[in-house]
Amino acid sequence: QQQEALSAQLQVVYEHRSRLERSLQKE
């Protein structure tokens, strides 16, 4: 469960990072 939670959090972090990178590229 912790791994799944961490995996989900990691997924969120990756998506957030991806959005931030796109936003940074745009900026």
PDB file of all heavy atoms in Angstrom:
ATOM      1  N   GLN A   1       0.839  -1.205   0.000  1.00  0.00           N
ATOM      2  CA  GLN A   1       0.000   0.000   0.000  1.00  0.00           C
ATOM      3  C   GLN A   1       0.876   1.259   0.000  1.00  0.00           C
ATOM      4  O   GLN A   1       0.593   2.235  -0.714  1.00  0.00           O
ATOM      5  CB  GLN A   1      -0.915   0.001   1.228  1.00  0.00           C
ATOM      6  CG  GLN A   1      -2.054  -0.973   1.128  1.00  0.00           C
ATOM      7  CD  GLN A   1      -2.859  -1.033   2.451  1.00  0.00           C
ATOM      8  OE1 GLN A   1      -2.461  -0.463   3.463  1.00  0.00           O
ATOM      9  NE2 GLN A   1      -3.972  -1.743   2.414  1.00  0.00           N
ATOM     10  N   GLN A   2       1.936   1.212   0.809  1.00  0.00           N
ATOM     11  CA  GLN A   2       2.852   2.348   0.845  1.00  0.00           C
ATOM     12  C   GLN A   2       3.494   2.538  -0.520  1.00  0.00           C
ATOM     13  O   GLN A   2       3.643   3.667  -0.995  1.00  0.00           O
ATOM     14  CB  GLN A   2       3.934   2.128   1.908  1.00  0.00           C
ATOM     15  CG  GLN A   2       3.454   2.366   3.326  1.00  0.00           C
ATOM     16  CD  GLN A   2       4.582   2.157   4.362  1.00  0.00           C
ATOM     17  OE1 GLN A   2       5.666   1.662   4.028  1.00  0.00           O
ATOM     18  NE2 GLN A   2       4.287   2.515   5.607  1.00  0.00           N
ATOM     19  N   GLN A   3       3.847   1.384  -1.165  1.00  0.00           N
ATOM     20  CA  GLN A   3       4.473   1.467  -2.498  1.00  0.00           C
ATOM     21  C   GLN A   3       3.492   2.054  -3.495  1.00  0.00           C
ATOM     22  O   GLN A   3       3.857   2.892  -4.307  1.00  0.00           O
ATOM     23  CB  GLN A   3       4.943   0.079  -2.946  1.00  0.00           C
ATOM     24  CG  GLN A   3       5.672   0.151  -4.276  1.00  0.00           C
ATOM     25  CD  GLN A   3       5.983  -1.246  -4.857  1.00  0.00           C
ATOM     26  OE1 GLN A   3       5.599  -2.284  -4.291  1.00  0.00           O
ATOM     27  NE2 GLN A   3       6.664  -1.249  -5.955  1.00  0.00           N
ATOM     28  N   GLU A   4       2.215   1.584  -3.416  1.00  0.00           N
ATOM     29  CA  GLU A   4       1.194   2.110  -4.331  1.00  0.00           C
ATOM     30  C   GLU A   4       0.979   3.595  -4.070  1.00  0.00           C
ATOM     31  O   GLU A   4       0.864   4.395  -5.005  1.00  0.00           O
ATOM     32  CB  GLU A   4      -0.111   1.334  -4.149  1.00  0.00           C
ATOM     33  CG  GLU A   4      -0.074  -0.068  -4.733  1.00  0.00           C
ATOM     34  CD  GLU A   4      -1.337  -0.881  -4.431  1.00  0.00           C
ATOM     35  OE1 GLU A   4      -2.231  -0.344  -3.722  1.00  0.00           O
ATOM     36  OE2 GLU A   4      -1.405  -2.004  -4.903  1.00  0.00           O
ATOM     37  N   ALA A   5       0.920   3.952  -2.761  1.00  0.00           N
ATOM     38  CA  ALA A   5       0.746   5.356  -2.405  1.00  0.00           C
ATOM     39  C   ALA A   5       1.934   6.168  -2.925  1.00  0.00           C
ATOM     40  O   ALA A   5       1.774   7.243  -3.524  1.00  0.00           O
ATOM     41  CB  ALA A   5       0.600   5.526  -0.910  1.00  0.00           C
ATOM     42  N   LEU A   6       3.149   5.624  -2.696  1.00  0.00           N
ATOM     43  CA  LEU A   6       4.345   6.311  -3.176  1.00  0.00           C
ATOM     44  C   LEU A   6       4.370   6.374  -4.698  1.00  0.00           C
ATOM     45  O   LEU A   6       4.780   7.386  -5.287  1.00  0.00           O
ATOM     46  CB  LEU A   6       5.607   5.632  -2.651  1.00  0.00           C
ATOM     47  CG  LEU A   6       5.916   5.867  -1.164  1.00  0.00           C
ATOM     48  CD1 LEU A   6       7.114   4.997  -0.750  1.00  0.00           C
ATOM     49  CD2 LEU A   6       6.227   7.329  -0.895  1.00  0.00           C
ATOM     50  N   SER A   7       3.930   5.254  -5.319  1.00  0.00           N
ATOM     51  CA  SER A   7       3.882   5.210  -6.777  1.00  0.00           C
ATOM     52  C   SER A   7       2.905   6.268  -7.295  1.00  0.00           C
ATOM     53  O   SER A   7       3.198   6.983  -8.255  1.00  0.00           O
ATOM     54  CB  SER A   7       3.465   3.810  -7.231  1.00  0.00           C
ATOM     55  OG  SER A   7       3.451   3.755  -8.630  1.00  0.00           O
ATOM     56  N   ALA A   8       1.730   6.374  -6.626  1.00  0.00           N
ATOM     57  CA  ALA A   8       0.740   7.369  -7.028  1.00  0.00           C
ATOM     58  C   ALA A   8       1.310   8.776  -6.820  1.00  0.00           C
ATOM     59  O   ALA A   8       1.175   9.658  -7.669  1.00  0.00           O
ATOM     60  CB  ALA A   8      -0.546   7.189  -6.222  1.00  0.00           C
ATOM     61  N   GLN A   9       1.963   8.970  -5.646  1.00  0.00           N
ATOM     62  CA  GLN A   9       2.569  10.272  -5.365  1.00  0.00           C
ATOM     63  C   GLN A   9       3.660  10.584  -6.391  1.00  0.00           C
ATOM     64  O   GLN A   9       3.774  11.713  -6.860  1.00  0.00           O
ATOM     65  CB  GLN A   9       3.169  10.288  -3.953  1.00  0.00           C
ATOM     66  CG  GLN A   9       2.141  10.395  -2.856  1.00  0.00           C
ATOM     67  CD  GLN A   9       2.797  10.361  -1.472  1.00  0.00           C
ATOM     68  OE1 GLN A   9       4.011  10.135  -1.340  1.00  0.00           O
ATOM     69  NE2 GLN A   9       1.979  10.559  -0.434  1.00  0.00           N
ATOM     70  N   LEU A  10       4.428   9.535  -6.735  1.00  0.00           N
ATOM     71  CA  LEU A  10       5.487   9.712  -7.725  1.00  0.00           C
ATOM     72  C   LEU A  10       4.886  10.067  -9.073  1.00  0.00           C
ATOM     73  O   LEU A  10       5.411  10.939  -9.775  1.00  0.00           O
ATOM     74  CB  LEU A  10       6.334   8.433  -7.807  1.00  0.00           C
ATOM     75  CG  LEU A  10       7.619   8.531  -8.626  1.00  0.00           C
ATOM     76  CD1 LEU A  10       8.558   9.595  -8.058  1.00  0.00           C
ATOM     77  CD2 LEU A  10       8.332   7.186  -8.667  1.00  0.00           C
ATOM     78  N   GLN A  11       3.796   9.421  -9.402  1.00  0.00           N
ATOM     79  CA  GLN A  11       3.094   9.702 -10.656  1.00  0.00           C
ATOM     80  C   GLN A  11       2.637  11.165 -10.661  1.00  0.00           C
ATOM     81  O   GLN A  11       2.816  11.881 -11.640  1.00  0.00           O
ATOM     82  CB  GLN A  11       1.894   8.756 -10.824  1.00  0.00           C
ATOM     83  CG  GLN A  11       1.173   8.898 -12.149  1.00  0.00           C
ATOM     84  CD  GLN A  11       2.037   8.482 -13.329  1.00  0.00           C
ATOM     85  OE1 GLN A  11       2.876   7.581 -13.251  1.00  0.00           O
ATOM     86  NE2 GLN A  11       1.860   9.147 -14.449  1.00  0.00           N
ATOM     87  N   VAL A  12       2.054  11.589  -9.523  1.00  0.00           N
ATOM     88  CA  VAL A  12       1.603  12.990  -9.398  1.00  0.00           C
ATOM     89  C   VAL A  12       2.783  13.929  -9.525  1.00  0.00           C
ATOM     90  O   VAL A  12       2.733  14.946 -10.227  1.00  0.00           O
ATOM     91  CB  VAL A  12       0.866  13.195  -8.054  1.00  0.00           C
ATOM     92  CG1 VAL A  12       0.623  14.675  -7.771  1.00  0.00           C
ATOM     93  CG2 VAL A  12      -0.451  12.449  -8.035  1.00  0.00           C
ATOM     94  N   VAL A  13       3.896  13.558  -8.841  1.00  0.00           N
ATOM     95  CA  VAL A  13       5.095  14.390  -8.913  1.00  0.00           C
ATOM     96  C   VAL A  13       5.611  14.453 -10.347  1.00  0.00           C
ATOM     97  O   VAL A  13       5.983  15.522 -10.829  1.00  0.00           O
ATOM     98  CB  VAL A  13       6.179  13.871  -7.950  1.00  0.00           C
ATOM     99  CG1 VAL A  13       7.537  14.519  -8.218  1.00  0.00           C
ATOM    100  CG2 VAL A  13       5.762  14.104  -6.505  1.00  0.00           C
ATOM    101  N   TYR A  14       5.638  13.307 -11.058  1.00  0.00           N
ATOM    102  CA  TYR A  14       6.093  13.284 -12.453  1.00  0.00           C
ATOM    103  C   TYR A  14       5.200  14.165 -13.329  1.00  0.00           C
ATOM    104  O   TYR A  14       5.690  14.928 -14.160  1.00  0.00           O
ATOM    105  CB  TYR A  14       6.132  11.845 -12.992  1.00  0.00           C
ATOM    106  CG  TYR A  14       7.373  11.059 -12.590  1.00  0.00           C
ATOM    107  CD1 TYR A  14       7.304   9.712 -12.261  1.00  0.00           C
ATOM    108  CD2 TYR A  14       8.633  11.672 -12.584  1.00  0.00           C
ATOM    109  CE1 TYR A  14       8.436   8.988 -11.900  1.00  0.00           C
ATOM    110  CE2 TYR A  14       9.757  10.946 -12.228  1.00  0.00           C
ATOM    111  CZ  TYR A  14       9.661   9.621 -11.883  1.00  0.00           C
ATOM    112  OH  TYR A  14      10.775   8.922 -11.524  1.00  0.00           O
ATOM    113  N   GLU A  15       3.885  14.008 -13.131  1.00  0.00           N
ATOM    114  CA  GLU A  15       2.956  14.828 -13.927  1.00  0.00           C
ATOM    115  C   GLU A  15       3.168  16.311 -13.609  1.00  0.00           C
ATOM    116  O   GLU A  15       3.200  17.151 -14.510  1.00  0.00           O
ATOM    117  CB  GLU A  15       1.513  14.405 -13.629  1.00  0.00           C
ATOM    118  CG  GLU A  15       1.134  13.076 -14.245  1.00  0.00           C
ATOM    119  CD  GLU A  15      -0.278  12.620 -13.830  1.00  0.00           C
ATOM    120  OE1 GLU A  15      -1.007  13.428 -13.211  1.00  0.00           O
ATOM    121  OE2 GLU A  15      -0.623  11.482 -14.137  1.00  0.00           O
ATOM    122  N   HIS A  16       3.309  16.587 -12.313  1.00  0.00           N
ATOM    123  CA  HIS A  16       3.529  17.977 -11.904  1.00  0.00           C
ATOM    124  C   HIS A  16       4.835  18.498 -12.507  1.00  0.00           C
ATOM    125  O   HIS A  16       4.889  19.623 -13.015  1.00  0.00           O
ATOM    126  CB  HIS A  16       3.566  18.064 -10.373  1.00  0.00           C
ATOM    127  CG  HIS A  16       3.653  19.470  -9.852  1.00  0.00           C
ATOM    128  ND1 HIS A  16       2.658  20.400 -10.062  1.00  0.00           N
ATOM    129  CD2 HIS A  16       4.637  20.109  -9.138  1.00  0.00           C
ATOM    130  CE1 HIS A  16       3.009  21.546  -9.513  1.00  0.00           C
ATOM    131  NE2 HIS A  16       4.224  21.391  -8.925  1.00  0.00           N
ATOM    132  N   ARG A  17       5.878  17.649 -12.448  1.00  0.00           N
ATOM    133  CA  ARG A  17       7.170  18.018 -13.019  1.00  0.00           C
ATOM    134  C   ARG A  17       7.043  18.254 -14.521  1.00  0.00           C
ATOM    135  O   ARG A  17       7.611  19.209 -15.065  1.00  0.00           O
ATOM    136  CB  ARG A  17       8.190  16.916 -12.735  1.00  0.00           C
ATOM    137  CG  ARG A  17       9.560  17.257 -13.264  1.00  0.00           C
ATOM    138  CD  ARG A  17      10.572  16.199 -12.878  1.00  0.00           C
ATOM    139  NE  ARG A  17      11.826  16.520 -13.508  1.00  0.00           N
ATOM    140  CZ  ARG A  17      12.528  15.669 -14.232  1.00  0.00           C
ATOM    141  NH1 ARG A  17      12.124  14.437 -14.388  1.00  0.00           N
ATOM    142  NH2 ARG A  17      13.667  16.041 -14.780  1.00  0.00           N
ATOM    143  N   SER A  18       6.284  17.368 -15.166  1.00  0.00           N
ATOM    144  CA  SER A  18       6.081  17.484 -16.605  1.00  0.00           C
ATOM    145  C   SER A  18       5.370  18.806 -16.925  1.00  0.00           C
ATOM    146  O   SER A  18       5.757  19.529 -17.844  1.00  0.00           O
ATOM    147  CB  SER A  18       5.268  16.287 -17.104  1.00  0.00           C
ATOM    148  OG  SER A  18       4.958  16.445 -18.452  1.00  0.00           O
ATOM    149  N   ARG A  19       4.323  19.121 -16.117  1.00  0.00           N
ATOM    150  CA  ARG A  19       3.604  20.395 -16.329  1.00  0.00           C
ATOM    151  C   ARG A  19       4.549  21.583 -16.090  1.00  0.00           C
ATOM    152  O   ARG A  19       4.550  22.566 -16.826  1.00  0.00           O
ATOM    153  CB  ARG A  19       2.404  20.477 -15.384  1.00  0.00           C
ATOM    154  CG  ARG A  19       1.187  19.734 -15.909  1.00  0.00           C
ATOM    155  CD  ARG A  19      -0.078  20.141 -15.161  1.00  0.00           C
ATOM    156  NE  ARG A  19       0.005  19.976 -13.706  1.00  0.00           N
ATOM    157  CZ  ARG A  19      -0.354  18.883 -13.058  1.00  0.00           C
ATOM    158  NH1 ARG A  19      -0.847  17.859 -13.723  1.00  0.00           N
ATOM    159  NH2 ARG A  19      -0.239  18.814 -11.740  1.00  0.00           N
ATOM    160  N   LEU A  20       5.340  21.446 -15.001  1.00  0.00           N
ATOM    161  CA  LEU A  20       6.279  22.533 -14.696  1.00  0.00           C
ATOM    162  C   LEU A  20       7.296  22.722 -15.813  1.00  0.00           C
ATOM    163  O   LEU A  20       7.640  23.851 -16.176  1.00  0.00           O
ATOM    164  CB  LEU A  20       7.000  22.273 -13.368  1.00  0.00           C
ATOM    165  CG  LEU A  20       6.183  22.510 -12.099  1.00  0.00           C
ATOM    166  CD1 LEU A  20       6.994  22.110 -10.865  1.00  0.00           C
ATOM    167  CD2 LEU A  20       5.771  23.965 -11.976  1.00  0.00           C
ATOM    168  N   GLU A  21       7.798  21.591 -16.377  1.00  0.00           N
ATOM    169  CA  GLU A  21       8.768  21.680 -17.478  1.00  0.00           C
ATOM    170  C   GLU A  21       8.134  22.326 -18.698  1.00  0.00           C
ATOM    171  O   GLU A  21       8.765  23.155 -19.352  1.00  0.00           O
ATOM    172  CB  GLU A  21       9.323  20.288 -17.810  1.00  0.00           C
ATOM    173  CG  GLU A  21      10.364  19.817 -16.818  1.00  0.00           C
ATOM    174  CD  GLU A  21      10.923  18.434 -17.163  1.00  0.00           C
ATOM    175  OE1 GLU A  21      10.406  17.791 -18.097  1.00  0.00           O
ATOM    176  OE2 GLU A  21      11.882  18.017 -16.494  1.00  0.00           O
ATOM    177  N   ARG A  22       6.873  21.924 -19.000  1.00  0.00           N
ATOM    178  CA  ARG A  22       6.180  22.541 -20.135  1.00  0.00           C
ATOM    179  C   ARG A  22       5.985  24.046 -19.873  1.00  0.00           C
ATOM    180  O   ARG A  22       6.212  24.891 -20.752  1.00  0.00           O
ATOM    181  CB  ARG A  22       4.833  21.852 -20.377  1.00  0.00           C
ATOM    182  CG  ARG A  22       4.945  20.522 -21.106  1.00  0.00           C
ATOM    183  CD  ARG A  22       3.602  20.044 -21.637  1.00  0.00           C
ATOM    184  NE  ARG A  22       2.554  19.908 -20.611  1.00  0.00           N
ATOM    185  CZ  ARG A  22       2.338  18.818 -19.893  1.00  0.00           C
ATOM    186  NH1 ARG A  22       3.093  17.744 -20.079  1.00  0.00           N
ATOM    187  NH2 ARG A  22       1.374  18.783 -18.992  1.00  0.00           N
ATOM    188  N   SER A  23       5.559  24.337 -18.630  1.00  0.00           N
ATOM    189  CA  SER A  23       5.350  25.739 -18.256  1.00  0.00           C
ATOM    190  C   SER A  23       6.666  26.513 -18.335  1.00  0.00           C
ATOM    191  O   SER A  23       6.715  27.644 -18.832  1.00  0.00           O
ATOM    192  CB  SER A  23       4.782  25.803 -16.836  1.00  0.00           C
ATOM    193  OG  SER A  23       4.609  27.129 -16.435  1.00  0.00           O
ATOM    194  N   LEU A  24       7.759  25.877 -17.850  1.00  0.00           N
ATOM    195  CA  LEU A  24       9.075  26.503 -17.916  1.00  0.00           C
ATOM    196  C   LEU A  24       9.484  26.726 -19.361  1.00  0.00           C
ATOM    197  O   LEU A  24      10.008  27.803 -19.701  1.00  0.00           O
ATOM    198  CB  LEU A  24      10.106  25.630 -17.184  1.00  0.00           C
ATOM    199  CG  LEU A  24      11.538  26.170 -17.146  1.00  0.00           C
ATOM    200  CD1 LEU A  24      11.591  27.485 -16.370  1.00  0.00           C
ATOM    201  CD2 LEU A  24      12.475  25.152 -16.523  1.00  0.00           C
ATOM    202  N   GLN A  25       9.246  25.724 -20.236  1.00  0.00           N
ATOM    203  CA  GLN A  25       9.561  25.856 -21.662  1.00  0.00           C
ATOM    204  C   GLN A  25       8.789  27.036 -22.244  1.00  0.00           C
ATOM    205  O   GLN A  25       9.348  27.847 -22.982  1.00  0.00           O
ATOM    206  CB  GLN A  25       9.150  24.589 -22.413  1.00  0.00           C
ATOM    207  CG  GLN A  25      10.174  23.549 -22.831  1.00  0.00           C
ATOM    208  CD  GLN A  25      11.596  23.985 -22.938  1.00  0.00           C
ATOM    209  OE1 GLN A  25      12.329  24.047 -21.972  1.00  0.00           O
ATOM    210  NE2 GLN A  25      12.027  24.276 -24.152  1.00  0.00           N
ATOM    211  N   LYS A  26       7.489  27.068 -21.903  1.00  0.00           N
ATOM    212  CA  LYS A  26       6.629  28.153 -22.405  1.00  0.00           C
ATOM    213  C   LYS A  26       7.146  29.505 -21.905  1.00  0.00           C
ATOM    214  O   LYS A  26       7.255  30.465 -22.682  1.00  0.00           O
ATOM    215  CB  LYS A  26       5.194  27.912 -21.919  1.00  0.00           C
ATOM    216  CG  LYS A  26       4.186  28.871 -22.492  1.00  0.00           C
ATOM    217  CD  LYS A  26       2.795  28.521 -21.986  1.00  0.00           C
ATOM    218  CE  LYS A  26       1.799  29.584 -22.390  1.00  0.00           C
ATOM    219  NZ  LYS A  26       0.506  29.386 -21.765  1.00  0.00           N
ATOM    220  N   GLU A  27       7.482  29.570 -20.602  1.00  0.00           N
ATOM    221  CA  GLU A  27       8.002  30.819 -20.019  1.00  0.00           C
ATOM    222  C   GLU A  27       9.322  31.216 -20.684  1.00  0.00           C
ATOM    223  O   GLU A  27       9.548  32.378 -20.977  1.00  0.00           O
ATOM    224  CB  GLU A  27       8.233  30.656 -18.507  1.00  0.00           C
ATOM    225  CG  GLU A  27       6.968  30.678 -17.675  1.00  0.00           C
ATOM    226  CD  GLU A  27       6.271  32.027 -17.697  1.00  0.00           C
ATOM    227  OE1 GLU A  27       6.959  33.060 -17.691  1.00  0.00           O
ATOM    228  OE2 GLU A  27       5.030  32.039 -17.745  1.00  0.00           O
TER     229      GLU A  27
END
